[in-house]
């Protein structure tokens, strides 16, 4: 819950006609590396809009490091495995995101687009 600089919480401010979104920058200390970082008013408003009740305990760099450890270094998703193939229409070497099966045509992206338009 949001608290104002004079100790009133957001519901008290609303009752008194105040505005609970009068956030001010806060200096916080990272629980991982100990560096002091700013939890700015815009971030506080975002946290409140998402319903988060706790302030961040890690600095932005440590948050990114932790996300990378949890989800892999290539962003939040791993890169899709691609398989080599030869286009059934133009004969060009290509890669597709599935393993080609015998007897099923595989198309390069250009020929696939033409195939879809012709349906």
PDB file of N, CA and C in Angstrom:
ATOM      1  N   UNK A   1       0.839  -1.182   0.000  1.00  0.00           N
ATOM      2  CA  UNK A   1       0.000   0.000   0.000  1.00  0.00           C
ATOM      3  C   UNK A   1       0.877   1.236   0.000  1.00  0.00           C
ATOM      4  N   UNK A   2       0.469   2.227  -0.703  1.00  0.00           N
ATOM      5  CA  UNK A   2       1.217   3.470  -0.825  1.00  0.00           C
ATOM      6  C   UNK A   2       1.097   4.284   0.455  1.00  0.00           C
ATOM      7  N   UNK A   3       2.206   4.855   0.892  1.00  0.00           N
ATOM      8  CA  UNK A   3       2.192   5.769   2.037  1.00  0.00           C
ATOM      9  C   UNK A   3       2.741   7.104   1.595  1.00  0.00           C
ATOM     10  N   UNK A   4       2.113   8.184   2.061  1.00  0.00           N
ATOM     11  CA  UNK A   4       2.592   9.519   1.726  1.00  0.00           C
ATOM     12  C   UNK A   4       3.759   9.872   2.621  1.00  0.00           C
ATOM     13  N   UNK A   5       4.403  10.983   2.327  1.00  0.00           N
ATOM     14  CA  UNK A   5       5.563  11.402   3.109  1.00  0.00           C
ATOM     15  C   UNK A   5       5.198  11.725   4.557  1.00  0.00           C
ATOM     16  N   UNK A   6       3.914  12.029   4.818  1.00  0.00           N
ATOM     17  CA  UNK A   6       3.515  12.312   6.196  1.00  0.00           C
ATOM     18  C   UNK A   6       2.908  11.097   6.889  1.00  0.00           C
ATOM     19  N   UNK A   7       3.044   9.912   6.278  1.00  0.00           N
ATOM     20  CA  UNK A   7       2.642   8.666   6.928  1.00  0.00           C
ATOM     21  C   UNK A   7       1.232   8.200   6.629  1.00  0.00           C
ATOM     22  N   UNK A   8       0.455   8.963   5.859  1.00  0.00           N
ATOM     23  CA  UNK A   8      -0.905   8.534   5.536  1.00  0.00           C
ATOM     24  C   UNK A   8      -0.867   7.529   4.398  1.00  0.00           C
ATOM     25  N   UNK A   9      -1.718   6.495   4.467  1.00  0.00           N
ATOM     26  CA  UNK A   9      -1.745   5.521   3.380  1.00  0.00           C
ATOM     27  C   UNK A   9      -2.709   5.971   2.295  1.00  0.00           C
ATOM     28  N   UNK A  10      -2.781   5.220   1.192  1.00  0.00           N
ATOM     29  CA  UNK A  10      -3.566   5.646   0.029  1.00  0.00           C
ATOM     30  C   UNK A  10      -5.043   5.781   0.343  1.00  0.00           C
ATOM     31  N   UNK A  11      -5.616   4.894   1.165  1.00  0.00           N
ATOM     32  CA  UNK A  11      -7.043   5.023   1.471  1.00  0.00           C
ATOM     33  C   UNK A  11      -7.313   6.256   2.322  1.00  0.00           C
ATOM     34  N   UNK A  12      -6.388   6.596   3.233  1.00  0.00           N
ATOM     35  CA  UNK A  12      -6.563   7.817   4.027  1.00  0.00           C
ATOM     36  C   UNK A  12      -6.486   9.045   3.125  1.00  0.00           C
ATOM     37  N   UNK A  13      -5.569   9.033   2.179  1.00  0.00           N
ATOM     38  CA  UNK A  13      -5.445  10.165   1.264  1.00  0.00           C
ATOM     39  C   UNK A  13      -6.709  10.344   0.434  1.00  0.00           C
ATOM     40  N   UNK A  14      -7.277   9.226  -0.053  1.00  0.00           N
ATOM     41  CA  UNK A  14      -8.494   9.314  -0.849  1.00  0.00           C
ATOM     42  C   UNK A  14      -9.650   9.852  -0.012  1.00  0.00           C
ATOM     43  N   UNK A  15      -9.767   9.384   1.230  1.00  0.00           N
ATOM     44  CA  UNK A  15     -10.824   9.865   2.119  1.00  0.00           C
ATOM     45  C   UNK A  15     -10.698  11.367   2.350  1.00  0.00           C
ATOM     46  N   UNK A  16      -9.486  11.858   2.402  1.00  0.00           N
ATOM     47  CA  UNK A  16      -9.238  13.275   2.672  1.00  0.00           C
ATOM     48  C   UNK A  16      -9.187  14.096   1.386  1.00  0.00           C
ATOM     49  N   UNK A  17      -9.516  13.477   0.260  1.00  0.00           N
ATOM     50  CA  UNK A  17      -9.531  14.205  -1.007  1.00  0.00           C
ATOM     51  C   UNK A  17      -8.151  14.322  -1.640  1.00  0.00           C
ATOM     52  N   UNK A  18      -7.174  13.625  -1.124  1.00  0.00           N
ATOM     53  CA  UNK A  18      -5.819  13.666  -1.672  1.00  0.00           C
ATOM     54  C   UNK A  18      -5.684  12.775  -2.883  1.00  0.00           C
ATOM     55  N   UNK A  19      -4.522  12.781  -3.448  1.00  0.00           N
ATOM     56  CA  UNK A  19      -4.255  11.979  -4.637  1.00  0.00           C
ATOM     57  C   UNK A  19      -3.157  10.978  -4.314  1.00  0.00           C
ATOM     58  N   UNK A  20      -3.459   9.668  -4.327  1.00  0.00           N
ATOM     59  CA  UNK A  20      -2.467   8.668  -3.921  1.00  0.00           C
ATOM     60  C   UNK A  20      -1.335   8.480  -4.924  1.00  0.00           C
ATOM     61  N   UNK A  21      -1.422   9.091  -6.098  1.00  0.00           N
ATOM     62  CA  UNK A  21      -0.385   8.893  -7.100  1.00  0.00           C
ATOM     63  C   UNK A  21       0.709   9.952  -7.039  1.00  0.00           C
ATOM     64  N   UNK A  22       0.801  10.648  -5.931  1.00  0.00           N
ATOM     65  CA  UNK A  22       1.863  11.635  -5.762  1.00  0.00           C
ATOM     66  C   UNK A  22       3.125  10.918  -5.280  1.00  0.00           C
ATOM     67  N   UNK A  23       3.663  10.077  -6.145  1.00  0.00           N
ATOM     68  CA  UNK A  23       4.847   9.295  -5.797  1.00  0.00           C
ATOM     69  C   UNK A  23       6.089  10.165  -5.839  1.00  0.00           C
ATOM     70  N   UNK A  24       7.062   9.817  -5.009  1.00  0.00           N
ATOM     71  CA  UNK A  24       8.349  10.502  -5.027  1.00  0.00           C
ATOM     72  C   UNK A  24       9.437   9.448  -5.132  1.00  0.00           C
ATOM     73  N   UNK A  25      10.534   9.802  -5.810  1.00  0.00           N
ATOM     74  CA  UNK A  25      11.648   8.874  -5.957  1.00  0.00           C
ATOM     75  C   UNK A  25      12.134   8.404  -4.598  1.00  0.00           C
ATOM     76  N   UNK A  26      12.513   7.119  -4.549  1.00  0.00           N
ATOM     77  CA  UNK A  26      13.040   6.530  -3.312  1.00  0.00           C
ATOM     78  C   UNK A  26      14.385   5.890  -3.603  1.00  0.00           C
ATOM     79  N   UNK A  27      15.276   5.980  -2.670  1.00  0.00           N
ATOM     80  CA  UNK A  27      16.566   5.298  -2.771  1.00  0.00           C
ATOM     81  C   UNK A  27      16.431   3.964  -2.038  1.00  0.00           C
ATOM     82  N   UNK A  28      16.711   2.861  -2.729  1.00  0.00           N
ATOM     83  CA  UNK A  28      16.642   1.525  -2.145  1.00  0.00           C
ATOM     84  C   UNK A  28      17.998   0.855  -2.269  1.00  0.00           C
ATOM     85  N   UNK A  29      18.231  -0.155  -1.439  1.00  0.00           N
ATOM     86  CA  UNK A  29      19.491  -0.888  -1.498  1.00  0.00           C
ATOM     87  C   UNK A  29      19.224  -2.284  -2.032  1.00  0.00           C
ATOM     88  N   UNK A  30      20.009  -2.695  -3.020  1.00  0.00           N
ATOM     89  CA  UNK A  30      19.860  -4.001  -3.659  1.00  0.00           C
ATOM     90  C   UNK A  30      20.224  -5.109  -2.674  1.00  0.00           C
ATOM     91  N   UNK A  31      19.366  -6.119  -2.582  1.00  0.00           N
ATOM     92  CA  UNK A  31      19.622  -7.234  -1.668  1.00  0.00           C
ATOM     93  C   UNK A  31      20.712  -8.164  -2.185  1.00  0.00           C
ATOM     94  N   UNK A  32      21.009  -8.116  -3.488  1.00  0.00           N
ATOM     95  CA  UNK A  32      22.037  -8.992  -4.043  1.00  0.00           C
ATOM     96  C   UNK A  32      23.428  -8.368  -4.006  1.00  0.00           C
ATOM     97  N   UNK A  33      23.555  -7.158  -4.551  1.00  0.00           N
ATOM     98  CA  UNK A  33      24.896  -6.557  -4.681  1.00  0.00           C
ATOM     99  C   UNK A  33      25.141  -5.418  -3.704  1.00  0.00           C
ATOM    100  N   UNK A  34      24.088  -4.929  -3.043  1.00  0.00           N
ATOM    101  CA  UNK A  34      24.254  -3.874  -2.053  1.00  0.00           C
ATOM    102  C   UNK A  34      24.303  -2.459  -2.598  1.00  0.00           C
ATOM    103  N   UNK A  35      24.233  -2.286  -3.903  1.00  0.00           N
ATOM    104  CA  UNK A  35      24.283  -0.952  -4.488  1.00  0.00           C
ATOM    105  C   UNK A  35      22.966  -0.217  -4.211  1.00  0.00           C
ATOM    106  N   UNK A  36      23.039   1.085  -4.083  1.00  0.00           N
ATOM    107  CA  UNK A  36      21.844   1.899  -3.903  1.00  0.00           C
ATOM    108  C   UNK A  36      21.301   2.263  -5.279  1.00  0.00           C
ATOM    109  N   UNK A  37      19.984   2.084  -5.467  1.00  0.00           N
ATOM    110  CA  UNK A  37      19.352   2.415  -6.744  1.00  0.00           C
ATOM    111  C   UNK A  37      18.083   3.206  -6.485  1.00  0.00           C
ATOM    112  N   UNK A  38      17.637   3.931  -7.500  1.00  0.00           N
ATOM    113  CA  UNK A  38      16.452   4.779  -7.372  1.00  0.00           C
ATOM    114  C   UNK A  38      15.220   4.036  -7.867  1.00  0.00           C
ATOM    115  N   UNK A  39      14.212   3.983  -7.021  1.00  0.00           N
ATOM    116  CA  UNK A  39      12.890   3.465  -7.372  1.00  0.00           C
ATOM    117  C   UNK A  39      12.055   4.714  -7.663  1.00  0.00           C
ATOM    118  N   UNK A  40      12.004   5.102  -8.951  1.00  0.00           N
ATOM    119  CA  UNK A  40      11.424   6.405  -9.291  1.00  0.00           C
ATOM    120  C   UNK A  40       9.894   6.387  -9.260  1.00  0.00           C
ATOM    121  N   UNK A  41       9.320   7.563  -9.302  1.00  0.00           N
ATOM    122  CA  UNK A  41       7.870   7.730  -9.190  1.00  0.00           C
ATOM    123  C   UNK A  41       7.125   6.976 -10.289  1.00  0.00           C
ATOM    124  N   UNK A  42       7.670   7.000 -11.506  1.00  0.00           N
ATOM    125  CA  UNK A  42       7.029   6.299 -12.618  1.00  0.00           C
ATOM    126  C   UNK A  42       6.989   4.793 -12.369  1.00  0.00           C
ATOM    127  N   UNK A  43       8.082   4.232 -11.860  1.00  0.00           N
ATOM    128  CA  UNK A  43       8.124   2.801 -11.535  1.00  0.00           C
ATOM    129  C   UNK A  43       7.147   2.476 -10.404  1.00  0.00           C
ATOM    130  N   UNK A  44       7.056   3.356  -9.424  1.00  0.00           N
ATOM    131  CA  UNK A  44       6.131   3.137  -8.307  1.00  0.00           C
ATOM    132  C   UNK A  44       4.688   3.108  -8.800  1.00  0.00           C
ATOM    133  N   UNK A  45       4.367   4.010  -9.719  1.00  0.00           N
ATOM    134  CA  UNK A  45       3.018   4.041 -10.286  1.00  0.00           C
ATOM    135  C   UNK A  45       2.746   2.756 -11.067  1.00  0.00           C
ATOM    136  N   UNK A  46       3.741   2.292 -11.821  1.00  0.00           N
ATOM    137  CA  UNK A  46       3.605   1.033 -12.566  1.00  0.00           C
ATOM    138  C   UNK A  46       3.371  -0.127 -11.608  1.00  0.00           C
ATOM    139  N   UNK A  47       4.166  -0.203 -10.534  1.00  0.00           N
ATOM    140  CA  UNK A  47       4.013  -1.272  -9.555  1.00  0.00           C
ATOM    141  C   UNK A  47       2.599  -1.255  -8.978  1.00  0.00           C
ATOM    142  N   UNK A  48       2.102  -0.075  -8.652  1.00  0.00           N
ATOM    143  CA  UNK A  48       0.766   0.017  -8.079  1.00  0.00           C
ATOM    144  C   UNK A  48      -0.286  -0.418  -9.093  1.00  0.00           C
ATOM    145  N   UNK A  49      -0.119  -0.026 -10.360  1.00  0.00           N
ATOM    146  CA  UNK A  49      -1.104  -0.388 -11.390  1.00  0.00           C
ATOM    147  C   UNK A  49      -1.162  -1.901 -11.601  1.00  0.00           C
ATOM    148  N   UNK A  50      -0.057  -2.590 -11.355  1.00  0.00           N
ATOM    149  CA  UNK A  50      -0.008  -4.051 -11.487  1.00  0.00           C
ATOM    150  C   UNK A  50      -0.457  -4.761 -10.215  1.00  0.00           C
ATOM    151  N   UNK A  51      -0.706  -3.984  -9.162  1.00  0.00           N
ATOM    152  CA  UNK A  51      -1.145  -4.580  -7.907  1.00  0.00           C
ATOM    153  C   UNK A  51       0.002  -5.089  -7.045  1.00  0.00           C
ATOM    154  N   UNK A  52       1.239  -4.738  -7.395  1.00  0.00           N
ATOM    155  CA  UNK A  52       2.390  -5.166  -6.598  1.00  0.00           C
ATOM    156  C   UNK A  52       2.392  -4.377  -5.292  1.00  0.00           C
ATOM    157  N   UNK A  53       2.570  -5.072  -4.189  1.00  0.00           N
ATOM    158  CA  UNK A  53       2.568  -4.405  -2.888  1.00  0.00           C
ATOM    159  C   UNK A  53       3.968  -4.239  -2.316  1.00  0.00           C
ATOM    160  N   UNK A  54       4.928  -4.944  -2.847  1.00  0.00           N
ATOM    161  CA  UNK A  54       6.304  -4.845  -2.358  1.00  0.00           C
ATOM    162  C   UNK A  54       7.152  -4.006  -3.309  1.00  0.00           C
ATOM    163  N   UNK A  55       8.098  -3.307  -2.758  1.00  0.00           N
ATOM    164  CA  UNK A  55       9.065  -2.562  -3.564  1.00  0.00           C
ATOM    165  C   UNK A  55      10.079  -3.549  -4.119  1.00  0.00           C
ATOM    166  N   UNK A  56      10.756  -3.203  -5.214  1.00  0.00           N
ATOM    167  CA  UNK A  56      11.777  -4.117  -5.740  1.00  0.00           C
ATOM    168  C   UNK A  56      12.913  -4.250  -4.741  1.00  0.00           C
ATOM    169  N   UNK A  57      13.465  -5.454  -4.628  1.00  0.00           N
ATOM    170  CA  UNK A  57      14.591  -5.632  -3.705  1.00  0.00           C
ATOM    171  C   UNK A  57      15.918  -5.762  -4.444  1.00  0.00           C
ATOM    172  N   UNK A  58      15.857  -5.813  -5.778  1.00  0.00           N
ATOM    173  CA  UNK A  58      17.085  -5.899  -6.579  1.00  0.00           C
ATOM    174  C   UNK A  58      17.191  -4.684  -7.498  1.00  0.00           C
ATOM    175  N   UNK A  59      18.425  -4.254  -7.738  1.00  0.00           N
ATOM    176  CA  UNK A  59      18.666  -3.158  -8.673  1.00  0.00           C
ATOM    177  C   UNK A  59      18.370  -3.660 -10.093  1.00  0.00           C
ATOM    178  N   UNK A  60      18.187  -2.764 -11.058  1.00  0.00           N
ATOM    179  CA  UNK A  60      17.881  -3.201 -12.428  1.00  0.00           C
ATOM    180  C   UNK A  60      18.897  -4.198 -12.997  1.00  0.00           C
ATOM    181  N   UNK A  61      20.183  -3.999 -12.732  1.00  0.00           N
ATOM    182  CA  UNK A  61      21.200  -4.921 -13.266  1.00  0.00           C
ATOM    183  C   UNK A  61      21.039  -6.318 -12.678  1.00  0.00           C
ATOM    184  N   UNK A  62      20.801  -6.395 -11.374  1.00  0.00           N
ATOM    185  CA  UNK A  62      20.621  -7.705 -10.732  1.00  0.00           C
ATOM    186  C   UNK A  62      19.312  -8.360 -11.160  1.00  0.00           C
ATOM    187  N   UNK A  63      18.267  -7.559 -11.419  1.00  0.00           N
ATOM    188  CA  UNK A  63      17.008  -8.117 -11.935  1.00  0.00           C
ATOM    189  C   UNK A  63      17.225  -8.756 -13.291  1.00  0.00           C
ATOM    190  N   UNK A  64      17.961  -8.060 -14.170  1.00  0.00           N
ATOM    191  CA  UNK A  64      18.237  -8.608 -15.500  1.00  0.00           C
ATOM    192  C   UNK A  64      19.073  -9.882 -15.416  1.00  0.00           C
ATOM    193  N   UNK A  65      20.065  -9.880 -14.537  1.00  0.00           N
ATOM    194  CA  UNK A  65      20.912 -11.065 -14.357  1.00  0.00           C
ATOM    195  C   UNK A  65      20.067 -12.241 -13.893  1.00  0.00           C
ATOM    196  N   UNK A  66      19.189 -11.988 -12.945  1.00  0.00           N
ATOM    197  CA  UNK A  66      18.333 -13.054 -12.426  1.00  0.00           C
ATOM    198  C   UNK A  66      17.384 -13.588 -13.496  1.00  0.00           C
ATOM    199  N   UNK A  67      16.810 -12.703 -14.301  1.00  0.00           N
ATOM    200  CA  UNK A  67      15.936 -13.143 -15.389  1.00  0.00           C
ATOM    201  C   UNK A  67      16.702 -13.995 -16.393  1.00  0.00           C
ATOM    202  N   UNK A  68      17.931 -13.570 -16.704  1.00  0.00           N
ATOM    203  CA  UNK A  68      18.756 -14.328 -17.656  1.00  0.00           C
ATOM    204  C   UNK A  68      19.067 -15.722 -17.114  1.00  0.00           C
ATOM    205  N   UNK A  69      19.320 -15.815 -15.811  1.00  0.00           N
ATOM    206  CA  UNK A  69      19.599 -17.117 -15.195  1.00  0.00           C
ATOM    207  C   UNK A  69      18.365 -18.011 -15.239  1.00  0.00           C
ATOM    208  N   UNK A  70      17.205 -17.418 -15.017  1.00  0.00           N
ATOM    209  CA  UNK A  70      15.966 -18.194 -14.986  1.00  0.00           C
ATOM    210  C   UNK A  70      15.508 -18.611 -16.368  1.00  0.00           C
ATOM    211  N   UNK A  71      15.613 -17.708 -17.348  1.00  0.00           N
ATOM    212  CA  UNK A  71      15.040 -17.958 -18.662  1.00  0.00           C
ATOM    213  C   UNK A  71      16.056 -18.154 -19.767  1.00  0.00           C
ATOM    214  N   UNK A  72      17.329 -18.166 -19.460  1.00  0.00           N
ATOM    215  CA  UNK A  72      18.355 -18.311 -20.482  1.00  0.00           C
ATOM    216  C   UNK A  72      18.847 -16.960 -20.939  1.00  0.00           C
ATOM    217  N   UNK A  73      20.032 -16.930 -21.511  1.00  0.00           N
ATOM    218  CA  UNK A  73      20.682 -15.676 -21.876  1.00  0.00           C
ATOM    219  C   UNK A  73      20.113 -15.017 -23.124  1.00  0.00           C
ATOM    220  N   UNK A  74      19.362 -15.715 -23.925  1.00  0.00           N
ATOM    221  CA  UNK A  74      18.867 -15.123 -25.166  1.00  0.00           C
ATOM    222  C   UNK A  74      17.489 -14.508 -24.953  1.00  0.00           C
ATOM    223  N   UNK A  75      17.370 -13.671 -23.978  1.00  0.00           N
ATOM    224  CA  UNK A  75      16.078 -13.065 -23.674  1.00  0.00           C
ATOM    225  C   UNK A  75      15.245 -14.030 -22.856  1.00  0.00           C
ATOM    226  N   UNK A  76      13.949 -13.927 -22.959  1.00  0.00           N
ATOM    227  CA  UNK A  76      13.066 -14.765 -22.155  1.00  0.00           C
ATOM    228  C   UNK A  76      12.728 -16.076 -22.852  1.00  0.00           C
ATOM    229  N   UNK A  77      13.020 -16.169 -24.113  1.00  0.00           N
ATOM    230  CA  UNK A  77      12.743 -17.399 -24.849  1.00  0.00           C
ATOM    231  C   UNK A  77      14.032 -17.915 -25.472  1.00  0.00           C
ATOM    232  N   UNK A  78      14.105 -19.213 -25.583  1.00  0.00           N
ATOM    233  CA  UNK A  78      15.257 -19.753 -26.286  1.00  0.00           C
ATOM    234  C   UNK A  78      14.958 -19.718 -27.787  1.00  0.00           C
ATOM    235  N   UNK A  79      16.007 -19.677 -28.584  1.00  0.00           N
ATOM    236  CA  UNK A  79      15.837 -19.620 -30.030  1.00  0.00           C
ATOM    237  C   UNK A  79      15.272 -20.935 -30.521  1.00  0.00           C
ATOM    238  N   UNK A  80      14.325 -20.849 -31.421  1.00  0.00           N
ATOM    239  CA  UNK A  80      13.669 -22.028 -31.975  1.00  0.00           C
ATOM    240  C   UNK A  80      14.655 -22.851 -32.799  1.00  0.00           C
ATOM    241  N   UNK A  81      14.598 -24.169 -32.640  1.00  0.00           N
ATOM    242  CA  UNK A  81      15.465 -25.043 -33.421  1.00  0.00           C
ATOM    243  C   UNK A  81      14.983 -25.058 -34.870  1.00  0.00           C
ATOM    244  N   UNK A  82      15.938 -24.916 -35.790  1.00  0.00           N
ATOM    245  CA  UNK A  82      15.611 -24.915 -37.210  1.00  0.00           C
ATOM    246  C   UNK A  82      16.213 -26.158 -37.865  1.00  0.00           C
ATOM    247  N   UNK A  83      15.554 -26.634 -38.915  1.00  0.00           N
ATOM    248  CA  UNK A  83      15.992 -27.838 -39.621  1.00  0.00           C
ATOM    249  C   UNK A  83      16.255 -27.511 -41.088  1.00  0.00           C
ATOM    250  N   UNK A  84      17.331 -28.073 -41.648  1.00  0.00           N
ATOM    251  CA  UNK A  84      17.629 -27.817 -43.064  1.00  0.00           C
ATOM    252  C   UNK A  84      16.615 -28.543 -43.956  1.00  0.00           C
ATOM    253  N   UNK A  85      16.295 -27.915 -45.076  1.00  0.00           N
ATOM    254  CA  UNK A  85      15.345 -28.500 -46.022  1.00  0.00           C
ATOM    255  C   UNK A  85      15.621 -27.921 -47.401  1.00  0.00           C
ATOM    256  N   UNK A  86      15.044 -28.565 -48.414  1.00  0.00           N
ATOM    257  CA  UNK A  86      15.115 -28.079 -49.786  1.00  0.00           C
ATOM    258  C   UNK A  86      13.683 -27.765 -50.213  1.00  0.00           C
ATOM    259  N   UNK A  87      13.475 -26.556 -50.711  1.00  0.00           N
ATOM    260  CA  UNK A  87      12.143 -26.125 -51.122  1.00  0.00           C
ATOM    261  C   UNK A  87      11.621 -27.015 -52.247  1.00  0.00           C
ATOM    262  N   UNK A  88      10.399 -27.524 -52.079  1.00  0.00           N
ATOM    263  CA  UNK A  88       9.792 -28.418 -53.067  1.00  0.00           C
ATOM    264  C   UNK A  88       9.406 -27.684 -54.344  1.00  0.00           C
ATOM    265  N   UNK A  89       9.287 -26.359 -54.295  1.00  0.00           N
ATOM    266  CA  UNK A  89       8.866 -25.607 -55.480  1.00  0.00           C
ATOM    267  C   UNK A  89      10.056 -25.049 -56.262  1.00  0.00           C
ATOM    268  N   UNK A  90      10.992 -24.353 -55.574  1.00  0.00           N
ATOM    269  CA  UNK A  90      12.082 -23.704 -56.314  1.00  0.00           C
ATOM    270  C   UNK A  90      13.430 -24.417 -56.163  1.00  0.00           C
ATOM    271  N   UNK A  91      13.535 -25.388 -55.245  1.00  0.00           N
ATOM    272  CA  UNK A  91      14.761 -26.147 -55.074  1.00  0.00           C
ATOM    273  C   UNK A  91      15.832 -25.460 -54.234  1.00  0.00           C
ATOM    274  N   UNK A  92      15.519 -24.312 -53.671  1.00  0.00           N
ATOM    275  CA  UNK A  92      16.476 -23.555 -52.867  1.00  0.00           C
ATOM    276  C   UNK A  92      16.641 -24.199 -51.487  1.00  0.00           C
ATOM    277  N   UNK A  93      17.893 -24.182 -50.973  1.00  0.00           N
ATOM    278  CA  UNK A  93      18.136 -24.635 -49.603  1.00  0.00           C
ATOM    279  C   UNK A  93      17.520 -23.636 -48.634  1.00  0.00           C
ATOM    280  N   UNK A  94      16.863 -24.144 -47.604  1.00  0.00           N
ATOM    281  CA  UNK A  94      16.200 -23.286 -46.628  1.00  0.00           C
ATOM    282  C   UNK A  94      16.229 -23.949 -45.259  1.00  0.00           C
ATOM    283  N   UNK A  95      15.705 -23.262 -44.270  1.00  0.00           N
ATOM    284  CA  UNK A  95      15.556 -23.818 -42.932  1.00  0.00           C
ATOM    285  C   UNK A  95      14.107 -23.635 -42.517  1.00  0.00           C
ATOM    286  N   UNK A  96      13.577 -24.644 -41.821  1.00  0.00           N
ATOM    287  CA  UNK A  96      12.196 -24.590 -41.357  1.00  0.00           C
ATOM    288  C   UNK A  96      12.149 -24.930 -39.863  1.00  0.00           C
ATOM    289  N   UNK A  97      11.119 -24.450 -39.137  1.00  0.00           N
ATOM    290  CA  UNK A  97      11.046 -24.672 -37.700  1.00  0.00           C
ATOM    291  C   UNK A  97      10.427 -26.013 -37.291  1.00  0.00           C
ATOM    292  N   UNK A  98      10.454 -26.977 -38.191  1.00  0.00           N
ATOM    293  CA  UNK A  98       9.947 -28.324 -37.891  1.00  0.00           C
ATOM    294  C   UNK A  98      10.814 -29.320 -38.641  1.00  0.00           C
ATOM    295  N   UNK A  99      10.772 -30.553 -38.213  1.00  0.00           N
ATOM    296  CA  UNK A  99      11.571 -31.578 -38.875  1.00  0.00           C
ATOM    297  C   UNK A  99      10.795 -32.104 -40.088  1.00  0.00           C
ATOM    298  N   UNK A 100      11.341 -31.900 -41.297  1.00  0.00           N
ATOM    299  CA  UNK A 100      10.636 -32.348 -42.510  1.00  0.00           C
ATOM    300  C   UNK A 100      10.431 -33.864 -42.510  1.00  0.00           C
ATOM    301  N   UNK A 101       9.276 -34.286 -43.031  1.00  0.00           N
ATOM    302  CA  UNK A 101       8.979 -35.716 -43.137  1.00  0.00           C
ATOM    303  C   UNK A 101       8.992 -36.139 -44.597  1.00  0.00           C
ATOM    304  N   UNK A 102       9.368 -37.355 -44.807  1.00  0.00           N
ATOM    305  CA  UNK A 102       9.411 -37.935 -46.148  1.00  0.00           C
ATOM    306  C   UNK A 102       8.009 -37.902 -46.768  1.00  0.00           C
ATOM    307  N   UNK A 103       7.923 -37.465 -48.033  1.00  0.00           N
ATOM    308  CA  UNK A 103       6.648 -37.453 -48.744  1.00  0.00           C
ATOM    309  C   UNK A 103       5.817 -36.199 -48.505  1.00  0.00           C
ATOM    310  N   UNK A 104       6.286 -35.284 -47.660  1.00  0.00           N
ATOM    311  CA  UNK A 104       5.549 -34.044 -47.407  1.00  0.00           C
ATOM    312  C   UNK A 104       6.350 -32.876 -47.969  1.00  0.00           C
ATOM    313  N   UNK A 105       5.763 -32.030 -48.814  1.00  0.00           N
ATOM    314  CA  UNK A 105       6.513 -30.918 -49.398  1.00  0.00           C
ATOM    315  C   UNK A 105       6.867 -29.869 -48.339  1.00  0.00           C
ATOM    316  N   UNK A 106       8.047 -29.292 -48.506  1.00  0.00           N
ATOM    317  CA  UNK A 106       8.512 -28.211 -47.642  1.00  0.00           C
ATOM    318  C   UNK A 106       8.850 -27.042 -48.555  1.00  0.00           C
ATOM    319  N   UNK A 107       8.462 -25.827 -48.151  1.00  0.00           N
ATOM    320  CA  UNK A 107       8.683 -24.653 -48.982  1.00  0.00           C
ATOM    321  C   UNK A 107       9.543 -23.623 -48.253  1.00  0.00           C
ATOM    322  N   UNK A 108      10.311 -22.863 -49.029  1.00  0.00           N
ATOM    323  CA  UNK A 108      11.024 -21.724 -48.459  1.00  0.00           C
ATOM    324  C   UNK A 108       9.966 -20.662 -48.123  1.00  0.00           C
ATOM    325  N   UNK A 109      10.329 -19.656 -47.384  1.00  0.00           N
ATOM    326  CA  UNK A 109       9.325 -18.671 -46.958  1.00  0.00           C
ATOM    327  C   UNK A 109       8.681 -17.954 -48.145  1.00  0.00           C
ATOM    328  N   UNK A 110       9.460 -17.695 -49.184  1.00  0.00           N
ATOM    329  CA  UNK A 110       8.925 -17.014 -50.366  1.00  0.00           C
ATOM    330  C   UNK A 110       7.877 -17.873 -51.074  1.00  0.00           C
ATOM    331  N   UNK A 111       8.211 -19.142 -51.318  1.00  0.00           N
ATOM    332  CA  UNK A 111       7.270 -20.036 -51.999  1.00  0.00           C
ATOM    333  C   UNK A 111       6.075 -20.370 -51.106  1.00  0.00           C
ATOM    334  N   UNK A 112       6.290 -20.457 -49.810  1.00  0.00           N
ATOM    335  CA  UNK A 112       5.195 -20.716 -48.870  1.00  0.00           C
ATOM    336  C   UNK A 112       4.171 -19.577 -48.933  1.00  0.00           C
ATOM    337  N   UNK A 113       4.660 -18.347 -48.990  1.00  0.00           N
ATOM    338  CA  UNK A 113       3.762 -17.192 -49.095  1.00  0.00           C
ATOM    339  C   UNK A 113       2.943 -17.273 -50.389  1.00  0.00           C
ATOM    340  N   UNK A 114       3.568 -17.666 -51.488  1.00  0.00           N
ATOM    341  CA  UNK A 114       2.862 -17.798 -52.766  1.00  0.00           C
ATOM    342  C   UNK A 114       1.812 -18.914 -52.679  1.00  0.00           C
ATOM    343  N   UNK A 115       2.160 -20.023 -52.020  1.00  0.00           N
ATOM    344  CA  UNK A 115       1.246 -21.156 -51.852  1.00  0.00           C
ATOM    345  C   UNK A 115       0.002 -20.721 -51.076  1.00  0.00           C
ATOM    346  N   UNK A 116       0.200 -19.957 -50.000  1.00  0.00           N
ATOM    347  CA  UNK A 116      -0.911 -19.529 -49.143  1.00  0.00           C
ATOM    348  C   UNK A 116      -1.834 -18.577 -49.895  1.00  0.00           C
ATOM    349  N   UNK A 117      -1.284 -17.708 -50.739  1.00  0.00           N
ATOM    350  CA  UNK A 117      -2.099 -16.775 -51.490  1.00  0.00           C
ATOM    351  C   UNK A 117      -2.937 -17.492 -52.543  1.00  0.00           C
ATOM    352  N   UNK A 118      -2.423 -18.615 -53.047  1.00  0.00           N
ATOM    353  CA  UNK A 118      -3.105 -19.351 -54.101  1.00  0.00           C
ATOM    354  C   UNK A 118      -4.255 -20.225 -53.610  1.00  0.00           C
ATOM    355  N   UNK A 119      -4.439 -20.332 -52.318  1.00  0.00           N
ATOM    356  CA  UNK A 119      -5.504 -21.190 -51.774  1.00  0.00           C
ATOM    357  C   UNK A 119      -6.881 -20.625 -51.984  1.00  0.00           C
TER     358      UNK A 119
END
